[in-house]
C-alpha atoms as a PDB file:
ATOM      1  CA  MET A   1     -34.996 -10.674  92.123  1.00  0.00           C
ATOM      2  CA  THR A   2     -31.362  -9.897  91.520  1.00  0.00           C
ATOM      3  CA  GLU A   3     -30.040  -6.519  90.452  1.00  0.00           C
ATOM      4  CA  PRO A   4     -30.070  -5.971  86.679  1.00  0.00           C
ATOM      5  CA  VAL A   5     -26.933  -5.348  84.660  1.00  0.00           C
ATOM      6  CA  HIS A   6     -26.090  -1.640  84.496  1.00  0.00           C
ATOM      7  CA  VAL A   7     -27.044   0.050  81.206  1.00  0.00           C
ATOM      8  CA  ASP A   8     -23.567   1.594  80.809  1.00  0.00           C
ATOM      9  CA  ARG A   9     -22.048  -1.881  80.811  1.00  0.00           C
ATOM     10  CA  LEU A  10     -24.508  -3.015  78.154  1.00  0.00           C
ATOM     11  CA  VAL A  11     -23.652   0.009  75.982  1.00  0.00           C
ATOM     12  CA  GLY A  12     -20.033  -1.143  75.950  1.00  0.00           C
ATOM     13  CA  GLN A  13     -20.931  -4.766  75.321  1.00  0.00           C
ATOM     14  CA  LEU A  14     -23.244  -3.850  72.452  1.00  0.00           C
ATOM     15  CA  GLY A  15     -20.567  -1.619  70.928  1.00  0.00           C
ATOM     16  CA  TYR A  16     -18.100  -4.509  70.864  1.00  0.00           C
ATOM     17  CA  LEU A  17     -20.759  -6.939  69.703  1.00  0.00           C
ATOM     18  CA  PHE A  18     -21.788  -4.706  66.791  1.00  0.00           C
ATOM     19  CA  GLU A  19     -18.137  -4.192  65.862  1.00  0.00           C
ATOM     20  CA  ASP A  20     -17.504  -7.945  65.765  1.00  0.00           C
ATOM     21  CA  ARG A  21     -20.864  -8.882  64.256  1.00  0.00           C
ATOM     22  CA  PRO A  22     -22.349  -5.920  62.351  1.00  0.00           C
ATOM     23  CA  GLU A  23     -25.365  -7.976  61.269  1.00  0.00           C
ATOM     24  CA  LEU A  24     -26.581  -7.900  64.880  1.00  0.00           C
ATOM     25  CA  ARG A  25     -27.357  -4.179  64.530  1.00  0.00           C
ATOM     26  CA  LYS A  26     -30.551  -5.392  62.832  1.00  0.00           C
ATOM     27  CA  ALA A  27     -31.414  -7.903  65.576  1.00  0.00           C
ATOM     28  CA  SER A  28     -34.400  -7.285  67.805  1.00  0.00           C
ATOM     29  CA  ALA A  29     -33.885  -6.098  71.362  1.00  0.00           C
ATOM     30  CA  ALA A  30     -35.169  -9.483  72.565  1.00  0.00           C
ATOM     31  CA  GLU A  31     -32.574 -11.331  70.458  1.00  0.00           C
ATOM     32  CA  LEU A  32     -29.827  -9.072  71.804  1.00  0.00           C
ATOM     33  CA  ARG A  33     -31.068  -9.565  75.356  1.00  0.00           C
ATOM     34  CA  ASP A  34     -30.959 -13.342  74.911  1.00  0.00           C
ATOM     35  CA  LEU A  35     -27.402 -13.183  73.570  1.00  0.00           C
ATOM     36  CA  LEU A  36     -26.159 -10.827  76.285  1.00  0.00           C
ATOM     37  CA  ASP A  37     -27.977 -12.790  78.978  1.00  0.00           C
ATOM     38  CA  HIS A  38     -26.392 -16.053  77.844  1.00  0.00           C
ATOM     39  CA  ASP A  39     -22.927 -14.496  77.982  1.00  0.00           C
ATOM     40  CA  ASP A  40     -23.612 -12.887  81.377  1.00  0.00           C
ATOM     41  CA  ARG A  41     -24.855 -16.132  82.926  1.00  0.00           C
ATOM     42  CA  PHE A  42     -21.937 -18.104  81.533  1.00  0.00           C
ATOM     43  CA  ALA A  43     -19.409 -15.533  82.823  1.00  0.00           C
ATOM     44  CA  ARG A  44     -20.956 -15.573  86.308  1.00  0.00           C
ATOM     45  CA  ALA A  45     -21.027 -19.376  86.329  1.00  0.00           C
ATOM     46  CA  ARG A  46     -17.378 -19.560  85.225  1.00  0.00           C
ATOM     47  CA  ALA A  47     -16.400 -17.059  87.937  1.00  0.00           C
ATOM     48  CA  GLN A  48     -18.132 -19.227  90.547  1.00  0.00           C
ATOM     49  CA  ALA A  49     -16.347 -22.389  89.433  1.00  0.00           C
ATOM     50  CA  PRO A  50     -13.306 -21.602  87.272  1.00  0.00           C
ATOM     51  CA  LEU A  51     -11.999 -25.186  87.305  1.00  0.00           C
ATOM     52  CA  GLU A  52     -15.202 -26.902  86.177  1.00  0.00           C
ATOM     53  CA  SER A  53     -15.570 -28.256  82.658  1.00  0.00           C
ATOM     54  CA  ASP A  54     -17.482 -26.253  80.049  1.00  0.00           C
ATOM     55  CA  ALA A  55     -20.395 -28.675  80.382  1.00  0.00           C
ATOM     56  CA  GLN A  56     -20.518 -28.199  84.157  1.00  0.00           C
ATOM     57  CA  VAL A  57     -20.327 -24.419  83.769  1.00  0.00           C
ATOM     58  CA  ALA A  58     -23.131 -24.492  81.200  1.00  0.00           C
ATOM     59  CA  GLU A  59     -25.257 -26.504  83.623  1.00  0.00           C
ATOM     60  CA  ARG A  60     -24.482 -24.042  86.416  1.00  0.00           C
ATOM     61  CA  ALA A  61     -25.262 -21.085  84.102  1.00  0.00           C
ATOM     62  CA  ALA A  62     -28.672 -22.529  83.251  1.00  0.00           C
ATOM     63  CA  GLY A  63     -29.624 -22.314  86.915  1.00  0.00           C
ATOM     64  CA  LEU A  64     -28.681 -18.665  87.371  1.00  0.00           C
ATOM     65  CA  GLU A  65     -31.192 -15.826  87.339  1.00  0.00           C
ATOM     66  CA  SER A  66     -31.237 -13.380  84.471  1.00  0.00           C
ATOM     67  CA  HIS A  67     -29.635 -10.006  85.121  1.00  0.00           C
ATOM     68  CA  VAL A  68     -30.181  -8.601  81.612  1.00  0.00           C
ATOM     69  CA  THR A  69     -33.583  -6.976  81.113  1.00  0.00           C
ATOM     70  CA  LEU A  70     -35.233  -6.073  77.849  1.00  0.00           C
ATOM     71  CA  GLU A  71     -35.650  -2.482  79.064  1.00  0.00           C
ATOM     72  CA  ALA A  72     -31.922  -2.191  79.829  1.00  0.00           C
ATOM     73  CA  VAL A  73     -31.002  -3.541  76.385  1.00  0.00           C
ATOM     74  CA  GLU A  74     -33.374  -1.080  74.701  1.00  0.00           C
ATOM     75  CA  GLN A  75     -31.882   1.822  76.678  1.00  0.00           C
ATOM     76  CA  ALA A  76     -28.338   0.686  75.926  1.00  0.00           C
ATOM     77  CA  ARG A  77     -29.061   0.195  72.248  1.00  0.00           C
ATOM     78  CA  SER A  78     -30.338   3.757  71.951  1.00  0.00           C
ATOM     79  CA  ARG A  79     -26.987   4.986  73.320  1.00  0.00           C
ATOM     80  CA  VAL A  80     -24.691   2.951  71.049  1.00  0.00           C
ATOM     81  CA  PRO A  81     -23.266   5.188  68.298  1.00  0.00           C
ATOM     82  CA  ASP A  82     -24.402   4.468  64.756  1.00  0.00           C
ATOM     83  CA  ASP A  83     -21.994   2.663  62.472  1.00  0.00           C
ATOM     84  CA  ASP A  84     -20.790   5.281  60.020  1.00  0.00           C
END
């Protein structure tokens, strides 16, 4: 198993995500995990092969292990400031 994404990083990502898409504040932790995991896999795949096409990167991303755990997303979500 690979090392999970650090909770502090997820706090920052969720903060930006909620700022850009406030409706996601109501999303379940599992939905947020899926979104963050997709972005994480795609970023790692792009870093591995920056010159590949989007389709090739997506294929590469599909084969990568998940680094974003539900527990980490739940912990991060509890630390994101409320939208006031």
